[in-house]
């Protein structure tokens, strides 16, 4: 009986406290959402930077592959000059000079 009397006597106050707790709980939820949004933004920025750096690395690799192909063609030209110099008994420098003209 005492519990019923206490509840009926203080019911409005108990309800007011429950509503206040519910209201404050919603405020805490919005703070949590704001924190998560900030973390998502940071992660998005980091991922964007990572993708940009990876794309630049890929373009650098493509440039290196091109330079390797160019180097290979230069090496083949040198081998041709060397073969010519061996066949004709002419110094390589002289053939290079003629080739550059």
N, C-alpha and C. Protein backbone atom coordinates (compact mmCIF):
# COMPACT_ATOMS: atom_id res chain seq x y z
N UNK A 1 0.80 -1.20 0.00
CA UNK A 1 0.00 0.00 0.00
C UNK A 1 0.85 1.26 0.00
N UNK A 2 1.93 1.20 0.68
CA UNK A 2 2.77 2.39 0.74
C UNK A 2 3.30 2.75 -0.64
N UNK A 3 3.61 1.74 -1.44
CA UNK A 3 4.13 2.02 -2.78
C UNK A 3 3.07 2.68 -3.63
N UNK A 4 1.82 2.21 -3.54
CA UNK A 4 0.73 2.82 -4.31
C UNK A 4 0.52 4.27 -3.90
N UNK A 5 0.58 4.53 -2.64
CA UNK A 5 0.39 5.90 -2.16
C UNK A 5 1.53 6.81 -2.64
N UNK A 6 2.74 6.29 -2.59
CA UNK A 6 3.89 7.08 -3.04
C UNK A 6 3.78 7.36 -4.53
N UNK A 7 3.40 6.35 -5.32
CA UNK A 7 3.30 6.52 -6.76
C UNK A 7 2.19 7.50 -7.10
N UNK A 8 1.01 7.39 -6.46
CA UNK A 8 -0.08 8.32 -6.76
C UNK A 8 0.25 9.73 -6.29
N UNK A 9 0.97 9.85 -5.22
CA UNK A 9 1.32 11.18 -4.70
C UNK A 9 2.38 11.85 -5.58
N UNK A 10 3.35 11.10 -6.03
CA UNK A 10 4.47 11.67 -6.77
C UNK A 10 4.43 11.34 -8.28
N UNK A 11 3.33 10.93 -8.80
CA UNK A 11 3.24 10.49 -10.20
C UNK A 11 3.64 11.59 -11.19
N UNK A 12 3.18 12.79 -10.98
CA UNK A 12 3.52 13.89 -11.90
C UNK A 12 5.01 14.21 -11.86
N UNK A 13 5.57 14.17 -10.71
CA UNK A 13 7.00 14.44 -10.60
C UNK A 13 7.82 13.32 -11.26
N UNK A 14 7.36 12.06 -11.07
CA UNK A 14 8.06 10.93 -11.68
C UNK A 14 7.97 11.03 -13.20
N UNK A 15 6.78 11.36 -13.71
CA UNK A 15 6.61 11.52 -15.16
C UNK A 15 7.47 12.67 -15.69
N UNK A 16 7.52 13.76 -14.96
CA UNK A 16 8.34 14.90 -15.39
C UNK A 16 9.82 14.51 -15.46
N UNK A 17 10.28 13.76 -14.47
CA UNK A 17 11.68 13.32 -14.46
C UNK A 17 11.93 12.38 -15.63
N UNK A 18 11.02 11.46 -15.91
CA UNK A 18 11.17 10.54 -17.04
C UNK A 18 11.21 11.30 -18.37
N UNK A 19 10.33 12.29 -18.51
CA UNK A 19 10.35 13.08 -19.75
C UNK A 19 11.64 13.88 -19.89
N UNK A 20 12.15 14.40 -18.79
CA UNK A 20 13.42 15.13 -18.83
C UNK A 20 14.56 14.20 -19.24
N UNK A 21 14.58 13.01 -18.68
CA UNK A 21 15.62 12.04 -19.05
C UNK A 21 15.50 11.66 -20.52
N UNK A 22 14.27 11.52 -20.99
CA UNK A 22 14.07 11.20 -22.40
C UNK A 22 14.56 12.34 -23.28
N UNK A 23 14.26 13.58 -22.90
CA UNK A 23 14.70 14.74 -23.66
C UNK A 23 16.23 14.84 -23.69
N UNK A 24 16.86 14.64 -22.54
CA UNK A 24 18.32 14.69 -22.48
C UNK A 24 18.94 13.54 -23.26
N UNK A 25 18.29 12.41 -23.27
CA UNK A 25 18.79 11.27 -24.03
C UNK A 25 18.82 11.56 -25.52
N UNK A 26 17.85 12.28 -26.02
CA UNK A 26 17.83 12.65 -27.43
C UNK A 26 18.98 13.60 -27.74
N UNK A 27 19.27 14.48 -26.83
CA UNK A 27 20.39 15.40 -27.02
C UNK A 27 21.71 14.65 -27.10
N UNK A 28 21.88 13.66 -26.29
CA UNK A 28 23.10 12.86 -26.31
C UNK A 28 23.22 12.09 -27.62
N UNK A 29 22.09 11.66 -28.13
CA UNK A 29 22.10 10.92 -29.39
C UNK A 29 22.57 11.82 -30.52
N UNK A 30 22.11 13.07 -30.54
CA UNK A 30 22.54 13.97 -31.61
C UNK A 30 24.03 14.27 -31.50
N UNK A 31 24.57 14.32 -30.29
CA UNK A 31 26.00 14.52 -30.11
C UNK A 31 26.78 13.33 -30.65
N UNK A 32 26.25 12.12 -30.40
CA UNK A 32 26.90 10.92 -30.92
C UNK A 32 26.88 10.92 -32.44
N UNK A 33 25.77 11.34 -33.01
CA UNK A 33 25.65 11.41 -34.47
C UNK A 33 26.64 12.42 -35.02
N UNK A 34 26.80 13.55 -34.36
CA UNK A 34 27.74 14.57 -34.81
C UNK A 34 29.17 14.03 -34.75
N UNK A 35 29.51 13.29 -33.69
CA UNK A 35 30.86 12.70 -33.59
C UNK A 35 31.10 11.70 -34.71
N UNK A 36 30.10 10.88 -34.98
CA UNK A 36 30.24 9.89 -36.05
C UNK A 36 30.38 10.58 -37.39
N UNK A 37 29.63 11.65 -37.61
CA UNK A 37 29.75 12.41 -38.86
C UNK A 37 31.17 12.98 -39.03
N UNK A 38 31.75 13.48 -37.94
CA UNK A 38 33.11 13.99 -38.00
C UNK A 38 34.10 12.88 -38.35
N UNK A 39 33.91 11.70 -37.75
CA UNK A 39 34.80 10.57 -38.06
C UNK A 39 34.66 10.17 -39.51
N UNK A 40 33.43 10.18 -40.02
CA UNK A 40 33.20 9.82 -41.42
C UNK A 40 33.87 10.83 -42.33
N UNK A 41 33.77 12.11 -42.01
CA UNK A 41 34.41 13.15 -42.82
C UNK A 41 35.93 12.96 -42.82
N UNK A 42 36.53 12.68 -41.65
CA UNK A 42 37.97 12.46 -41.59
C UNK A 42 38.38 11.26 -42.43
N UNK A 43 37.60 10.19 -42.32
CA UNK A 43 37.91 8.98 -43.09
C UNK A 43 37.77 9.25 -44.57
N UNK A 44 36.77 10.02 -44.96
CA UNK A 44 36.57 10.37 -46.37
C UNK A 44 37.76 11.16 -46.91
N UNK A 45 38.23 12.11 -46.12
CA UNK A 45 39.38 12.92 -46.54
C UNK A 45 40.62 12.04 -46.68
N UNK A 46 40.84 11.15 -45.69
CA UNK A 46 42.00 10.27 -45.76
C UNK A 46 41.93 9.35 -46.98
N UNK A 47 40.74 8.82 -47.24
CA UNK A 47 40.58 7.93 -48.40
C UNK A 47 40.79 8.70 -49.71
N UNK A 48 40.31 9.92 -49.78
CA UNK A 48 40.49 10.73 -50.97
C UNK A 48 41.98 11.00 -51.20
N UNK A 49 42.70 11.32 -50.14
CA UNK A 49 44.13 11.56 -50.26
C UNK A 49 44.87 10.29 -50.69
N UNK A 50 44.45 9.16 -50.15
CA UNK A 50 45.08 7.89 -50.50
C UNK A 50 44.86 7.57 -51.97
N UNK A 51 43.63 7.77 -52.43
CA UNK A 51 43.32 7.49 -53.83
C UNK A 51 44.11 8.43 -54.75
N UNK A 52 44.20 9.69 -54.37
CA UNK A 52 44.98 10.64 -55.16
C UNK A 52 46.45 10.25 -55.22
N UNK A 53 47.01 9.86 -54.08
CA UNK A 53 48.42 9.47 -54.08
C UNK A 53 48.63 8.19 -54.88
N UNK A 54 47.69 7.26 -54.81
CA UNK A 54 47.82 6.03 -55.60
C UNK A 54 47.73 6.32 -57.09
N UNK A 55 46.83 7.21 -57.47
CA UNK A 55 46.73 7.54 -58.90
C UNK A 55 47.99 8.23 -59.40
N UNK A 56 48.60 9.08 -58.57
CA UNK A 56 49.85 9.72 -58.98
C UNK A 56 50.98 8.70 -59.07
N UNK A 57 51.00 7.73 -58.16
CA UNK A 57 52.01 6.67 -58.23
C UNK A 57 51.84 5.84 -59.50
N UNK A 58 50.60 5.57 -59.86
CA UNK A 58 50.34 4.80 -61.09
C UNK A 58 50.82 5.57 -62.30
N UNK A 59 50.55 6.86 -62.33
CA UNK A 59 51.02 7.66 -63.47
C UNK A 59 52.55 7.71 -63.51
N UNK A 60 53.19 7.76 -62.35
CA UNK A 60 54.66 7.72 -62.30
C UNK A 60 55.19 6.39 -62.82
N UNK A 61 54.50 5.30 -62.47
CA UNK A 61 54.91 4.00 -62.96
C UNK A 61 54.79 3.92 -64.48
N UNK A 62 53.72 4.50 -65.01
CA UNK A 62 53.55 4.52 -66.46
C UNK A 62 54.69 5.29 -67.12
N UNK A 63 55.09 6.40 -66.50
CA UNK A 63 56.20 7.18 -67.03
C UNK A 63 57.49 6.36 -67.00
N UNK A 64 57.69 5.61 -65.91
CA UNK A 64 58.89 4.79 -65.80
C UNK A 64 58.89 3.70 -66.86
N UNK A 65 57.73 3.13 -67.14
CA UNK A 65 57.65 2.10 -68.18
C UNK A 65 58.00 2.70 -69.53
N UNK A 66 57.53 3.90 -69.79
CA UNK A 66 57.86 4.57 -71.05
C UNK A 66 59.37 4.82 -71.12
N UNK A 67 59.95 5.27 -70.03
CA UNK A 67 61.38 5.53 -70.05
C UNK A 67 62.17 4.23 -70.24
N UNK A 68 61.66 3.13 -69.69
CA UNK A 68 62.33 1.85 -69.90
C UNK A 68 62.29 1.46 -71.37
N UNK A 69 61.17 1.71 -72.02
CA UNK A 69 61.06 1.41 -73.45
C UNK A 69 62.01 2.29 -74.25
N UNK A 70 62.08 3.55 -73.89
CA UNK A 70 63.00 4.45 -74.57
C UNK A 70 64.44 4.00 -74.35
N UNK A 71 64.76 3.59 -73.14
CA UNK A 71 66.11 3.12 -72.84
C UNK A 71 66.43 1.88 -73.65
N UNK A 72 65.44 1.01 -73.80
CA UNK A 72 65.66 -0.20 -74.58
C UNK A 72 65.95 0.14 -76.05
N UNK A 73 65.22 1.10 -76.59
CA UNK A 73 65.48 1.50 -77.98
C UNK A 73 66.87 2.12 -78.12
N UNK A 74 67.30 2.88 -77.14
CA UNK A 74 68.64 3.47 -77.16
C UNK A 74 69.69 2.36 -77.12
N UNK A 75 69.45 1.37 -76.28
CA UNK A 75 70.40 0.25 -76.19
C UNK A 75 70.48 -0.50 -77.52
N UNK A 76 69.33 -0.69 -78.17
CA UNK A 76 69.35 -1.37 -79.47
C UNK A 76 70.11 -0.56 -80.51
N UNK A 77 69.93 0.75 -80.48
CA UNK A 77 70.68 1.60 -81.41
C UNK A 77 72.18 1.48 -81.17
N UNK A 78 72.55 1.46 -79.89
CA UNK A 78 73.96 1.33 -79.56
C UNK A 78 74.52 -0.01 -80.05
N UNK A 79 73.74 -1.06 -79.86
CA UNK A 79 74.18 -2.38 -80.34
C UNK A 79 74.34 -2.39 -81.86
N UNK A 80 73.45 -1.73 -82.55
CA UNK A 80 73.57 -1.64 -84.01
C UNK A 80 74.84 -0.89 -84.40
N UNK A 81 75.10 0.20 -83.70
CA UNK A 81 76.32 0.96 -83.97
C UNK A 81 77.57 0.12 -83.69
N UNK A 82 77.52 -0.62 -82.60
CA UNK A 82 78.65 -1.46 -82.26
C UNK A 82 78.88 -2.55 -83.32
N UNK A 83 77.80 -3.12 -83.79
CA UNK A 83 77.92 -4.14 -84.82
C UNK A 83 78.47 -3.55 -86.11
N UNK A 84 78.00 -2.36 -86.47
CA UNK A 84 78.51 -1.69 -87.65
C UNK A 84 80.01 -1.38 -87.52
N UNK A 85 80.38 -0.91 -86.35
CA UNK A 85 81.79 -0.57 -86.15
C UNK A 85 82.67 -1.81 -86.23
N UNK A 86 82.15 -2.94 -85.72
CA UNK A 86 82.93 -4.19 -85.81
C UNK A 86 83.09 -4.65 -87.26
N UNK A 87 82.04 -4.52 -88.02
CA UNK A 87 82.07 -4.98 -89.41
C UNK A 87 82.97 -4.10 -90.28
N UNK A 88 82.87 -2.79 -90.06
CA UNK A 88 83.58 -1.86 -90.94
C UNK A 88 84.91 -1.37 -90.36
N UNK A 89 85.24 -1.80 -89.18
CA UNK A 89 86.46 -1.37 -88.49
C UNK A 89 86.52 0.16 -88.35
N UNK A 90 85.40 0.74 -88.00
CA UNK A 90 85.31 2.19 -87.78
C UNK A 90 85.02 2.39 -86.29
N UNK A 91 85.63 3.38 -85.64
CA UNK A 91 85.34 3.63 -84.22
C UNK A 91 83.86 3.99 -84.00
N UNK A 92 83.35 3.60 -82.87
CA UNK A 92 81.93 3.85 -82.55
C UNK A 92 81.65 5.34 -82.48
N UNK A 93 82.59 6.12 -81.95
CA UNK A 93 82.38 7.57 -81.83
C UNK A 93 82.16 8.20 -83.20
N UNK A 94 82.87 7.72 -84.18
CA UNK A 94 82.71 8.27 -85.53
C UNK A 94 81.32 7.93 -86.08
N UNK A 95 80.87 6.74 -85.82
CA UNK A 95 79.51 6.36 -86.26
C UNK A 95 78.43 7.17 -85.52
N UNK A 96 78.65 7.40 -84.24
CA UNK A 96 77.72 8.21 -83.47
C UNK A 96 77.64 9.64 -84.02
N UNK A 97 78.81 10.15 -84.35
CA UNK A 97 78.87 11.50 -84.91
C UNK A 97 78.11 11.56 -86.23
N UNK A 98 78.31 10.57 -87.10
CA UNK A 98 77.59 10.54 -88.37
C UNK A 98 76.09 10.37 -88.15
N UNK A 99 75.73 9.57 -87.16
CA UNK A 99 74.32 9.29 -86.87
C UNK A 99 73.61 10.54 -86.32
N UNK A 100 74.33 11.36 -85.57
CA UNK A 100 73.73 12.55 -84.96
C UNK A 100 73.50 13.65 -85.98
N UNK A 101 74.22 13.65 -87.10
CA UNK A 101 74.04 14.67 -88.13
C UNK A 101 72.81 14.49 -88.92
